[in-house]
Amino acid sequence: MWTRQKKKSPIGRLVVPAIAIAFFTYFGFHAVHGAFGLNSKMHLEHRSMQLEAKLADLVEQRKQMERRVALLDSATLERDMLDQQARALLNVSRDNEITIYR
């Protein structure tokens, strides 16, 4: 009966840890820099804050426009507001008036 004894090589012991290190390095890199990683999340949060600020500005502009349109409503028509809007659009003033543009 022949028995063959193998000598364990030092390289054989390093194969599993090397594969594990490569695996964790690959997925670790993509967890930080990937399309759904931490950097991408910070970028999306920053963009979200910018868009919310822009939305708040647009909502305020809309409220101001709705207030001005409400003044021009036929039921509550204010002659001063109508006169002011017409003069601003037509760029017209009377001879005895001083026009100041903002």
PDB file of N, CA and C in Angstrom:
ATOM      1  N   MET A   1       0.837  -1.153   0.000  1.00  0.00           N
ATOM      2  CA  MET A   1       0.000   0.000   0.000  1.00  0.00           C
ATOM      3  C   MET A   1       0.898   1.237   0.000  1.00  0.00           C
ATOM      4  N   TRP A   2       0.593   2.062  -0.932  1.00  0.00           N
ATOM      5  CA  TRP A   2       1.381   3.279  -1.098  1.00  0.00           C
ATOM      6  C   TRP A   2       0.633   4.447  -0.458  1.00  0.00           C
ATOM      7  N   THR A   3       1.266   5.197   0.265  1.00  0.00           N
ATOM      8  CA  THR A   3       0.662   6.419   0.817  1.00  0.00           C
ATOM      9  C   THR A   3       1.487   7.600   0.340  1.00  0.00           C
ATOM     10  N   ARG A   4       0.781   8.537  -0.118  1.00  0.00           N
ATOM     11  CA  ARG A   4       1.457   9.735  -0.610  1.00  0.00           C
ATOM     12  C   ARG A   4       1.110  10.886   0.339  1.00  0.00           C
ATOM     13  N   GLN A   5       2.066  11.514   0.847  1.00  0.00           N
ATOM     14  CA  GLN A   5       1.826  12.642   1.734  1.00  0.00           C
ATOM     15  C   GLN A   5       2.127  13.927   0.966  1.00  0.00           C
ATOM     16  N   LYS A   6       1.169  14.840   1.056  1.00  0.00           N
ATOM     17  CA  LYS A   6       1.362  16.109   0.362  1.00  0.00           C
ATOM     18  C   LYS A   6       1.857  17.132   1.353  1.00  0.00           C
ATOM     19  N   LYS A   7       2.742  17.886   0.891  1.00  0.00           N
ATOM     20  CA  LYS A   7       3.232  18.985   1.702  1.00  0.00           C
ATOM     21  C   LYS A   7       2.363  20.194   1.402  1.00  0.00           C
ATOM     22  N   LYS A   8       1.806  20.802   2.421  1.00  0.00           N
ATOM     23  CA  LYS A   8       0.941  21.973   2.208  1.00  0.00           C
ATOM     24  C   LYS A   8       1.806  23.163   1.804  1.00  0.00           C
ATOM     25  N   SER A   9       1.385  23.771   0.704  1.00  0.00           N
ATOM     26  CA  SER A   9       2.162  24.915   0.230  1.00  0.00           C
ATOM     27  C   SER A   9       1.660  26.193   0.907  1.00  0.00           C
ATOM     28  N   PRO A  10       2.516  27.152   1.106  1.00  0.00           N
ATOM     29  CA  PRO A  10       2.093  28.411   1.737  1.00  0.00           C
ATOM     30  C   PRO A  10       1.154  29.211   0.833  1.00  0.00           C
ATOM     31  N   ILE A  11       1.229  28.990  -0.446  1.00  0.00           N
ATOM     32  CA  ILE A  11       0.344  29.707  -1.368  1.00  0.00           C
ATOM     33  C   ILE A  11      -1.078  29.188  -1.237  1.00  0.00           C
ATOM     34  N   GLY A  12      -1.263  27.939  -0.990  1.00  0.00           N
ATOM     35  CA  GLY A  12      -2.589  27.357  -0.849  1.00  0.00           C
ATOM     36  C   GLY A  12      -3.352  27.943   0.324  1.00  0.00           C
ATOM     37  N   ARG A  13      -2.639  28.324   1.362  1.00  0.00           N
ATOM     38  CA  ARG A  13      -3.299  28.925   2.521  1.00  0.00           C
ATOM     39  C   ARG A  13      -3.735  30.376   2.256  1.00  0.00           C
ATOM     40  N   LEU A  14      -3.175  31.003   1.264  1.00  0.00           N
ATOM     41  CA  LEU A  14      -3.477  32.413   0.978  1.00  0.00           C
ATOM     42  C   LEU A  14      -4.575  32.595  -0.068  1.00  0.00           C
ATOM     43  N   VAL A  15      -5.036  31.540  -0.681  1.00  0.00           N
ATOM     44  CA  VAL A  15      -6.026  31.659  -1.756  1.00  0.00           C
ATOM     45  C   VAL A  15      -7.365  32.166  -1.214  1.00  0.00           C
ATOM     46  N   VAL A  16      -7.886  31.540  -0.175  1.00  0.00           N
ATOM     47  CA  VAL A  16      -9.191  31.942   0.367  1.00  0.00           C
ATOM     48  C   VAL A  16      -9.151  33.367   0.929  1.00  0.00           C
ATOM     49  N   PRO A  17      -8.151  33.746   1.730  1.00  0.00           N
ATOM     50  CA  PRO A  17      -8.114  35.142   2.190  1.00  0.00           C
ATOM     51  C   PRO A  17      -7.955  36.149   1.047  1.00  0.00           C
ATOM     52  N   ALA A  18      -7.197  35.786   0.014  1.00  0.00           N
ATOM     53  CA  ALA A  18      -7.025  36.707  -1.119  1.00  0.00           C
ATOM     54  C   ALA A  18      -8.349  36.900  -1.855  1.00  0.00           C
ATOM     55  N   ILE A  19      -9.108  35.833  -2.050  1.00  0.00           N
ATOM     56  CA  ILE A  19     -10.415  35.952  -2.700  1.00  0.00           C
ATOM     57  C   ILE A  19     -11.359  36.774  -1.827  1.00  0.00           C
ATOM     58  N   ALA A  20     -11.329  36.557  -0.516  1.00  0.00           N
ATOM     59  CA  ALA A  20     -12.191  37.328   0.391  1.00  0.00           C
ATOM     60  C   ALA A  20     -11.830  38.808   0.374  1.00  0.00           C
ATOM     61  N   ILE A  21     -10.536  39.113   0.377  1.00  0.00           N
ATOM     62  CA  ILE A  21     -10.108  40.523   0.335  1.00  0.00           C
ATOM     63  C   ILE A  21     -10.547  41.168  -0.983  1.00  0.00           C
ATOM     64  N   ALA A  22     -10.400  40.465  -2.090  1.00  0.00           N
ATOM     65  CA  ALA A  22     -10.828  41.002  -3.388  1.00  0.00           C
ATOM     66  C   ALA A  22     -12.336  41.234  -3.395  1.00  0.00           C
ATOM     67  N   PHE A  23     -13.094  40.302  -2.844  1.00  0.00           N
ATOM     68  CA  PHE A  23     -14.547  40.407  -2.775  1.00  0.00           C
ATOM     69  C   PHE A  23     -14.968  41.632  -1.968  1.00  0.00           C
ATOM     70  N   PHE A  24     -14.406  41.786  -0.765  1.00  0.00           N
ATOM     71  CA  PHE A  24     -14.766  42.915   0.090  1.00  0.00           C
ATOM     72  C   PHE A  24     -14.288  44.244  -0.483  1.00  0.00           C
ATOM     73  N   THR A  25     -13.145  44.246  -1.146  1.00  0.00           N
ATOM     74  CA  THR A  25     -12.646  45.479  -1.761  1.00  0.00           C
ATOM     75  C   THR A  25     -13.568  45.923  -2.890  1.00  0.00           C
ATOM     76  N   TYR A  26     -13.981  44.984  -3.734  1.00  0.00           N
ATOM     77  CA  TYR A  26     -14.860  45.308  -4.854  1.00  0.00           C
ATOM     78  C   TYR A  26     -16.187  45.879  -4.366  1.00  0.00           C
ATOM     79  N   PHE A  27     -16.836  45.168  -3.451  1.00  0.00           N
ATOM     80  CA  PHE A  27     -18.133  45.628  -2.982  1.00  0.00           C
ATOM     81  C   PHE A  27     -18.016  46.851  -2.076  1.00  0.00           C
ATOM     82  N   GLY A  28     -16.933  46.989  -1.349  1.00  0.00           N
ATOM     83  CA  GLY A  28     -16.711  48.180  -0.536  1.00  0.00           C
ATOM     84  C   GLY A  28     -16.542  49.421  -1.393  1.00  0.00           C
ATOM     85  N   PHE A  29     -15.792  49.293  -2.481  1.00  0.00           N
ATOM     86  CA  PHE A  29     -15.603  50.423  -3.389  1.00  0.00           C
ATOM     87  C   PHE A  29     -16.937  50.869  -3.977  1.00  0.00           C
ATOM     88  N   HIS A  30     -17.732  49.899  -4.427  1.00  0.00           N
ATOM     89  CA  HIS A  30     -19.015  50.252  -5.036  1.00  0.00           C
ATOM     90  C   HIS A  30     -20.046  50.722  -4.009  1.00  0.00           C
ATOM     91  N   ALA A  31     -19.873  50.350  -2.757  1.00  0.00           N
ATOM     92  CA  ALA A  31     -20.772  50.862  -1.714  1.00  0.00           C
ATOM     93  C   ALA A  31     -20.529  52.341  -1.471  1.00  0.00           C
ATOM     94  N   VAL A  32     -19.325  52.809  -1.740  1.00  0.00           N
ATOM     95  CA  VAL A  32     -19.007  54.229  -1.538  1.00  0.00           C
ATOM     96  C   VAL A  32     -19.157  55.017  -2.831  1.00  0.00           C
ATOM     97  N   HIS A  33     -18.610  54.514  -3.926  1.00  0.00           N
ATOM     98  CA  HIS A  33     -18.545  55.285  -5.165  1.00  0.00           C
ATOM     99  C   HIS A  33     -19.536  54.842  -6.232  1.00  0.00           C
ATOM    100  N   GLY A  34     -20.318  53.846  -5.993  1.00  0.00           N
ATOM    101  CA  GLY A  34     -21.232  53.320  -7.006  1.00  0.00           C
ATOM    102  C   GLY A  34     -22.432  54.219  -7.251  1.00  0.00           C
ATOM    103  N   ALA A  35     -23.294  53.793  -8.164  1.00  0.00           N
ATOM    104  CA  ALA A  35     -24.476  54.567  -8.543  1.00  0.00           C
ATOM    105  C   ALA A  35     -25.444  54.728  -7.374  1.00  0.00           C
ATOM    106  N   PHE A  36     -25.469  53.789  -6.464  1.00  0.00           N
ATOM    107  CA  PHE A  36     -26.339  53.863  -5.288  1.00  0.00           C
ATOM    108  C   PHE A  36     -25.515  53.941  -4.003  1.00  0.00           C
ATOM    109  N   GLY A  37     -24.289  54.431  -4.100  1.00  0.00           N
ATOM    110  CA  GLY A  37     -23.389  54.475  -2.956  1.00  0.00           C
ATOM    111  C   GLY A  37     -23.571  55.719  -2.104  1.00  0.00           C
ATOM    112  N   LEU A  38     -22.659  55.878  -1.156  1.00  0.00           N
ATOM    113  CA  LEU A  38     -22.737  56.990  -0.207  1.00  0.00           C
ATOM    114  C   LEU A  38     -22.532  58.341  -0.882  1.00  0.00           C
ATOM    115  N   ASN A  39     -21.571  58.418  -1.809  1.00  0.00           N
ATOM    116  CA  ASN A  39     -21.355  59.695  -2.517  1.00  0.00           C
ATOM    117  C   ASN A  39     -22.580  60.086  -3.331  1.00  0.00           C
ATOM    118  N   SER A  40     -23.187  59.122  -3.958  1.00  0.00           N
ATOM    119  CA  SER A  40     -24.377  59.387  -4.756  1.00  0.00           C
ATOM    120  C   SER A  40     -25.530  59.845  -3.867  1.00  0.00           C
ATOM    121  N   LYS A  41     -25.642  59.262  -2.687  1.00  0.00           N
ATOM    122  CA  LYS A  41     -26.695  59.653  -1.753  1.00  0.00           C
ATOM    123  C   LYS A  41     -26.504  61.103  -1.306  1.00  0.00           C
ATOM    124  N   MET A  42     -25.263  61.495  -1.000  1.00  0.00           N
ATOM    125  CA  MET A  42     -25.005  62.882  -0.598  1.00  0.00           C
ATOM    126  C   MET A  42     -25.325  63.842  -1.734  1.00  0.00           C
ATOM    127  N   HIS A  43     -24.969  63.449  -2.970  1.00  0.00           N
ATOM    128  CA  HIS A  43     -25.270  64.300  -4.118  1.00  0.00           C
ATOM    129  C   HIS A  43     -26.785  64.457  -4.287  1.00  0.00           C
ATOM    130  N   LEU A  44     -27.532  63.380  -4.140  1.00  0.00           N
ATOM    131  CA  LEU A  44     -28.987  63.447  -4.278  1.00  0.00           C
ATOM    132  C   LEU A  44     -29.617  64.297  -3.171  1.00  0.00           C
ATOM    133  N   GLU A  45     -29.100  64.205  -1.951  1.00  0.00           N
ATOM    134  CA  GLU A  45     -29.631  65.029  -0.855  1.00  0.00           C
ATOM    135  C   GLU A  45     -29.364  66.505  -1.115  1.00  0.00           C
ATOM    136  N   HIS A  46     -28.166  66.822  -1.621  1.00  0.00           N
ATOM    137  CA  HIS A  46     -27.831  68.214  -1.932  1.00  0.00           C
ATOM    138  C   HIS A  46     -28.744  68.743  -3.041  1.00  0.00           C
ATOM    139  N   ARG A  47     -28.959  67.939  -4.071  1.00  0.00           N
ATOM    140  CA  ARG A  47     -29.838  68.342  -5.176  1.00  0.00           C
ATOM    141  C   ARG A  47     -31.277  68.508  -4.683  1.00  0.00           C
ATOM    142  N   SER A  48     -31.686  67.634  -3.756  1.00  0.00           N
ATOM    143  CA  SER A  48     -33.032  67.723  -3.196  1.00  0.00           C
ATOM    144  C   SER A  48     -33.215  69.040  -2.438  1.00  0.00           C
ATOM    145  N   MET A  49     -32.207  69.448  -1.667  1.00  0.00           N
ATOM    146  CA  MET A  49     -32.299  70.716  -0.935  1.00  0.00           C
ATOM    147  C   MET A  49     -32.369  71.899  -1.900  1.00  0.00           C
ATOM    148  N   GLN A  50     -31.597  71.839  -2.995  1.00  0.00           N
ATOM    149  CA  GLN A  50     -31.646  72.919  -3.984  1.00  0.00           C
ATOM    150  C   GLN A  50     -33.028  73.017  -4.618  1.00  0.00           C
ATOM    151  N   LEU A  51     -33.591  71.878  -4.975  1.00  0.00           N
ATOM    152  CA  LEU A  51     -34.901  71.889  -5.620  1.00  0.00           C
ATOM    153  C   LEU A  51     -36.007  72.322  -4.659  1.00  0.00           C
ATOM    154  N   GLU A  52     -35.880  71.972  -3.376  1.00  0.00           N
ATOM    155  CA  GLU A  52     -36.873  72.423  -2.394  1.00  0.00           C
ATOM    156  C   GLU A  52     -36.814  73.935  -2.215  1.00  0.00           C
ATOM    157  N   ALA A  53     -35.597  74.501  -2.228  1.00  0.00           N
ATOM    158  CA  ALA A  53     -35.460  75.953  -2.125  1.00  0.00           C
ATOM    159  C   ALA A  53     -36.068  76.634  -3.356  1.00  0.00           C
ATOM    160  N   LYS A  54     -35.822  76.058  -4.518  1.00  0.00           N
ATOM    161  CA  LYS A  54     -36.390  76.617  -5.749  1.00  0.00           C
ATOM    162  C   LYS A  54     -37.918  76.514  -5.725  1.00  0.00           C
ATOM    163  N   LEU A  55     -38.428  75.400  -5.212  1.00  0.00           N
ATOM    164  CA  LEU A  55     -39.878  75.227  -5.103  1.00  0.00           C
ATOM    165  C   LEU A  55     -40.483  76.270  -4.172  1.00  0.00           C
ATOM    166  N   ALA A  56     -39.816  76.545  -3.050  1.00  0.00           N
ATOM    167  CA  ALA A  56     -40.322  77.555  -2.121  1.00  0.00           C
ATOM    168  C   ALA A  56     -40.378  78.931  -2.795  1.00  0.00           C
ATOM    169  N   ASP A  57     -39.352  79.258  -3.582  1.00  0.00           N
ATOM    170  CA  ASP A  57     -39.365  80.531  -4.310  1.00  0.00           C
ATOM    171  C   ASP A  57     -40.506  80.588  -5.316  1.00  0.00           C
ATOM    172  N   LEU A  58     -40.710  79.495  -6.039  1.00  0.00           N
ATOM    173  CA  LEU A  58     -41.782  79.473  -7.032  1.00  0.00           C
ATOM    174  C   LEU A  58     -43.159  79.545  -6.382  1.00  0.00           C
ATOM    175  N   VAL A  59     -43.314  78.919  -5.237  1.00  0.00           N
ATOM    176  CA  VAL A  59     -44.596  78.994  -4.519  1.00  0.00           C
ATOM    177  C   VAL A  59     -44.853  80.425  -4.079  1.00  0.00           C
ATOM    178  N   GLU A  60     -43.829  81.106  -3.597  1.00  0.00           N
ATOM    179  CA  GLU A  60     -43.985  82.502  -3.178  1.00  0.00           C
ATOM    180  C   GLU A  60     -44.338  83.389  -4.374  1.00  0.00           C
ATOM    181  N   GLN A  61     -43.665  83.168  -5.505  1.00  0.00           N
ATOM    182  CA  GLN A  61     -43.991  83.945  -6.712  1.00  0.00           C
ATOM    183  C   GLN A  61     -45.436  83.701  -7.148  1.00  0.00           C
ATOM    184  N   ARG A  62     -45.854  82.468  -7.059  1.00  0.00           N
ATOM    185  CA  ARG A  62     -47.236  82.157  -7.447  1.00  0.00           C
ATOM    186  C   ARG A  62     -48.233  82.847  -6.533  1.00  0.00           C
ATOM    187  N   LYS A  63     -47.964  82.866  -5.224  1.00  0.00           N
ATOM    188  CA  LYS A  63     -48.871  83.541  -4.288  1.00  0.00           C
ATOM    189  C   LYS A  63     -48.956  85.032  -4.600  1.00  0.00           C
ATOM    190  N   GLN A  64     -47.800  85.627  -4.916  1.00  0.00           N
ATOM    191  CA  GLN A  64     -47.810  87.053  -5.261  1.00  0.00           C
ATOM    192  C   GLN A  64     -48.629  87.298  -6.530  1.00  0.00           C
ATOM    193  N   MET A  65     -48.468  86.434  -7.523  1.00  0.00           N
ATOM    194  CA  MET A  65     -49.234  86.594  -8.764  1.00  0.00           C
ATOM    195  C   MET A  65     -50.724  86.390  -8.528  1.00  0.00           C
ATOM    196  N   GLU A  66     -51.069  85.431  -7.675  1.00  0.00           N
ATOM    197  CA  GLU A  66     -52.488  85.211  -7.380  1.00  0.00           C
ATOM    198  C   GLU A  66     -53.090  86.414  -6.671  1.00  0.00           C
ATOM    199  N   ARG A  67     -52.313  87.037  -5.778  1.00  0.00           N
ATOM    200  CA  ARG A  67     -52.805  88.253  -5.108  1.00  0.00           C
ATOM    201  C   ARG A  67     -53.041  89.365  -6.119  1.00  0.00           C
ATOM    202  N   ARG A  68     -52.124  89.529  -7.066  1.00  0.00           N
ATOM    203  CA  ARG A  68     -52.269  90.587  -8.068  1.00  0.00           C
ATOM    204  C   ARG A  68     -53.441  90.303  -9.000  1.00  0.00           C
ATOM    205  N   VAL A  69     -53.626  89.046  -9.363  1.00  0.00           N
ATOM    206  CA  VAL A  69     -54.749  88.684 -10.224  1.00  0.00           C
ATOM    207  C   VAL A  69     -56.061  88.879  -9.487  1.00  0.00           C
ATOM    208  N   ALA A  70     -56.086  88.589  -8.190  1.00  0.00           N
ATOM    209  CA  ALA A  70     -57.306  88.788  -7.404  1.00  0.00           C
ATOM    210  C   ALA A  70     -57.700  90.269  -7.382  1.00  0.00           C
ATOM    211  N   LEU A  71     -56.709  91.155  -7.407  1.00  0.00           N
ATOM    212  CA  LEU A  71     -57.021  92.585  -7.441  1.00  0.00           C
ATOM    213  C   LEU A  71     -57.616  92.996  -8.794  1.00  0.00           C
ATOM    214  N   LEU A  72     -57.302  92.259  -9.839  1.00  0.00           N
ATOM    215  CA  LEU A  72     -57.822  92.584 -11.168  1.00  0.00           C
ATOM    216  C   LEU A  72     -59.128  91.867 -11.476  1.00  0.00           C
ATOM    217  N   ASP A  73     -59.657  91.121 -10.519  1.00  0.00           N
ATOM    218  CA  ASP A  73     -60.916  90.404 -10.724  1.00  0.00           C
ATOM    219  C   ASP A  73     -62.042  91.415 -10.943  1.00  0.00           C
ATOM    220  N   SER A  74     -62.973  91.093 -11.818  1.00  0.00           N
ATOM    221  CA  SER A  74     -64.033  92.039 -12.160  1.00  0.00           C
ATOM    222  C   SER A  74     -64.942  92.345 -10.965  1.00  0.00           C
ATOM    223  N   ALA A  75     -65.094  91.419 -10.050  1.00  0.00           N
ATOM    224  CA  ALA A  75     -65.954  91.657  -8.882  1.00  0.00           C
ATOM    225  C   ALA A  75     -65.316  92.662  -7.927  1.00  0.00           C
ATOM    226  N   THR A  76     -64.010  92.609  -7.797  1.00  0.00           N
ATOM    227  CA  THR A  76     -63.314  93.510  -6.865  1.00  0.00           C
ATOM    228  C   THR A  76     -62.270  94.331  -7.605  1.00  0.00           C
ATOM    229  N   LEU A  77     -62.613  94.842  -8.753  1.00  0.00           N
ATOM    230  CA  LEU A  77     -61.681  95.580  -9.586  1.00  0.00           C
ATOM    231  C   LEU A  77     -61.278  96.894  -8.919  1.00  0.00           C
ATOM    232  N   GLU A  78     -60.001  97.095  -8.763  1.00  0.00           N
ATOM    233  CA  GLU A  78     -59.486  98.353  -8.229  1.00  0.00           C
ATOM    234  C   GLU A  78     -58.928  99.149  -9.398  1.00  0.00           C
ATOM    235  N   ARG A  79     -59.408 100.339  -9.531  1.00  0.00           N
ATOM    236  CA  ARG A  79     -59.001 101.171 -10.662  1.00  0.00           C
ATOM    237  C   ARG A  79     -57.519 101.524 -10.607  1.00  0.00           C
ATOM    238  N   ASP A  80     -57.005 101.734  -9.417  1.00  0.00           N
ATOM    239  CA  ASP A  80     -55.583 102.073  -9.307  1.00  0.00           C
ATOM    240  C   ASP A  80     -54.697 100.926  -9.804  1.00  0.00           C
ATOM    241  N   MET A  81     -55.067  99.728  -9.433  1.00  0.00           N
ATOM    242  CA  MET A  81     -54.283  98.563  -9.860  1.00  0.00           C
ATOM    243  C   MET A  81     -54.371  98.392 -11.371  1.00  0.00           C
ATOM    244  N   LEU A  82     -55.551  98.555 -11.919  1.00  0.00           N
ATOM    245  CA  LEU A  82     -55.733  98.437 -13.360  1.00  0.00           C
ATOM    246  C   LEU A  82     -54.950  99.520 -14.094  1.00  0.00           C
ATOM    247  N   ASP A  83     -55.005 100.730 -13.574  1.00  0.00           N
ATOM    248  CA  ASP A  83     -54.281 101.847 -14.169  1.00  0.00           C
ATOM    249  C   ASP A  83     -52.769 101.602 -14.118  1.00  0.00           C
ATOM    250  N   GLN A  84     -52.286 101.114 -12.988  1.00  0.00           N
ATOM    251  CA  GLN A  84     -50.859 100.845 -12.823  1.00  0.00           C
ATOM    252  C   GLN A  84     -50.390  99.763 -13.796  1.00  0.00           C
ATOM    253  N   GLN A  85     -51.154  98.709 -13.930  1.00  0.00           N
ATOM    254  CA  GLN A  85     -50.776  97.624 -14.833  1.00  0.00           C
ATOM    255  C   GLN A  85     -50.792  98.091 -16.284  1.00  0.00           C
ATOM    256  N   ALA A  86     -51.796  98.846 -16.666  1.00  0.00           N
ATOM    257  CA  ALA A  86     -51.885  99.331 -18.043  1.00  0.00           C
ATOM    258  C   ALA A  86     -50.725 100.258 -18.367  1.00  0.00           C
ATOM    259  N   ARG A  87     -50.383 101.149 -17.453  1.00  0.00           N
ATOM    260  CA  ARG A  87     -49.262 102.066 -17.684  1.00  0.00           C
ATOM    261  C   ARG A  87     -47.932 101.315 -17.771  1.00  0.00           C
ATOM    262  N   ALA A  88     -47.770 100.303 -16.929  1.00  0.00           N
ATOM    263  CA  ALA A  88     -46.522  99.538 -16.962  1.00  0.00           C
ATOM    264  C   ALA A  88     -46.391  98.756 -18.269  1.00  0.00           C
ATOM    265  N   LEU A  89     -47.482  98.163 -18.739  1.00  0.00           N
ATOM    266  CA  LEU A  89     -47.422  97.382 -19.970  1.00  0.00           C
ATOM    267  C   LEU A  89     -47.278  98.255 -21.208  1.00  0.00           C
ATOM    268  N   LEU A  90     -47.960  99.398 -21.210  1.00  0.00           N
ATOM    269  CA  LEU A  90     -47.929 100.268 -22.379  1.00  0.00           C
ATOM    270  C   LEU A  90     -46.804 101.295 -22.334  1.00  0.00           C
ATOM    271  N   ASN A  91     -46.152 101.415 -21.178  1.00  0.00           N
ATOM    272  CA  ASN A  91     -45.065 102.371 -20.996  1.00  0.00           C
ATOM    273  C   ASN A  91     -45.549 103.799 -21.290  1.00  0.00           C
ATOM    274  N   VAL A  92     -46.671 104.172 -20.675  1.00  0.00           N
ATOM    275  CA  VAL A  92     -47.309 105.463 -20.909  1.00  0.00           C
ATOM    276  C   VAL A  92     -47.473 106.180 -19.573  1.00  0.00           C
ATOM    277  N   SER A  93     -47.289 107.478 -19.595  1.00  0.00           N
ATOM    278  CA  SER A  93     -47.587 108.289 -18.412  1.00  0.00           C
ATOM    279  C   SER A  93     -48.124 109.633 -18.876  1.00  0.00           C
ATOM    280  N   ARG A  94     -48.776 110.310 -17.963  1.00  0.00           N
ATOM    281  CA  ARG A  94     -49.337 111.625 -18.294  1.00  0.00           C
ATOM    282  C   ARG A  94     -48.239 112.684 -18.222  1.00  0.00           C
ATOM    283  N   ASP A  95     -48.547 113.868 -18.736  1.00  0.00           N
ATOM    284  CA  ASP A  95     -47.551 114.946 -18.770  1.00  0.00           C
ATOM    285  C   ASP A  95     -47.163 115.433 -17.377  1.00  0.00           C
ATOM    286  N   ASN A  96     -48.117 115.413 -16.445  1.00  0.00           N
ATOM    287  CA  ASN A  96     -47.827 115.965 -15.133  1.00  0.00           C
ATOM    288  C   ASN A  96     -47.395 114.875 -14.109  1.00  0.00           C
ATOM    289  N   GLU A  97     -47.019 113.716 -14.581  1.00  0.00           N
ATOM    290  CA  GLU A  97     -46.624 112.623 -13.688  1.00  0.00           C
ATOM    291  C   GLU A  97     -45.127 112.336 -13.807  1.00  0.00           C
ATOM    292  N   ILE A  98     -44.577 111.872 -12.717  1.00  0.00           N
ATOM    293  CA  ILE A  98     -43.185 111.444 -12.710  1.00  0.00           C
ATOM    294  C   ILE A  98     -43.197 109.917 -12.615  1.00  0.00           C
ATOM    295  N   THR A  99     -42.518 109.261 -13.536  1.00  0.00           N
ATOM    296  CA  THR A  99     -42.495 107.804 -13.562  1.00  0.00           C
ATOM    297  C   THR A  99     -41.167 107.305 -12.990  1.00  0.00           C
ATOM    298  N   ILE A 100     -41.254 106.449 -12.012  1.00  0.00           N
ATOM    299  CA  ILE A 100     -40.066 105.865 -11.384  1.00  0.00           C
ATOM    300  C   ILE A 100     -40.153 104.359 -11.588  1.00  0.00           C
ATOM    301  N   TYR A 101     -39.156 103.788 -12.279  1.00  0.00           N
ATOM    302  CA  TYR A 101     -39.115 102.349 -12.537  1.00  0.00           C
ATOM    303  C   TYR A 101     -38.241 101.669 -11.503  1.00  0.00           C
ATOM    304  N   ARG A 102     -38.663 100.522 -11.068  1.00  0.00           N
ATOM    305  CA  ARG A 102     -37.859  99.754 -10.102  1.00  0.00           C
ATOM    306  C   ARG A 102     -37.083  98.692 -10.823  1.00  0.00           C
TER     307      ARG A 102
END
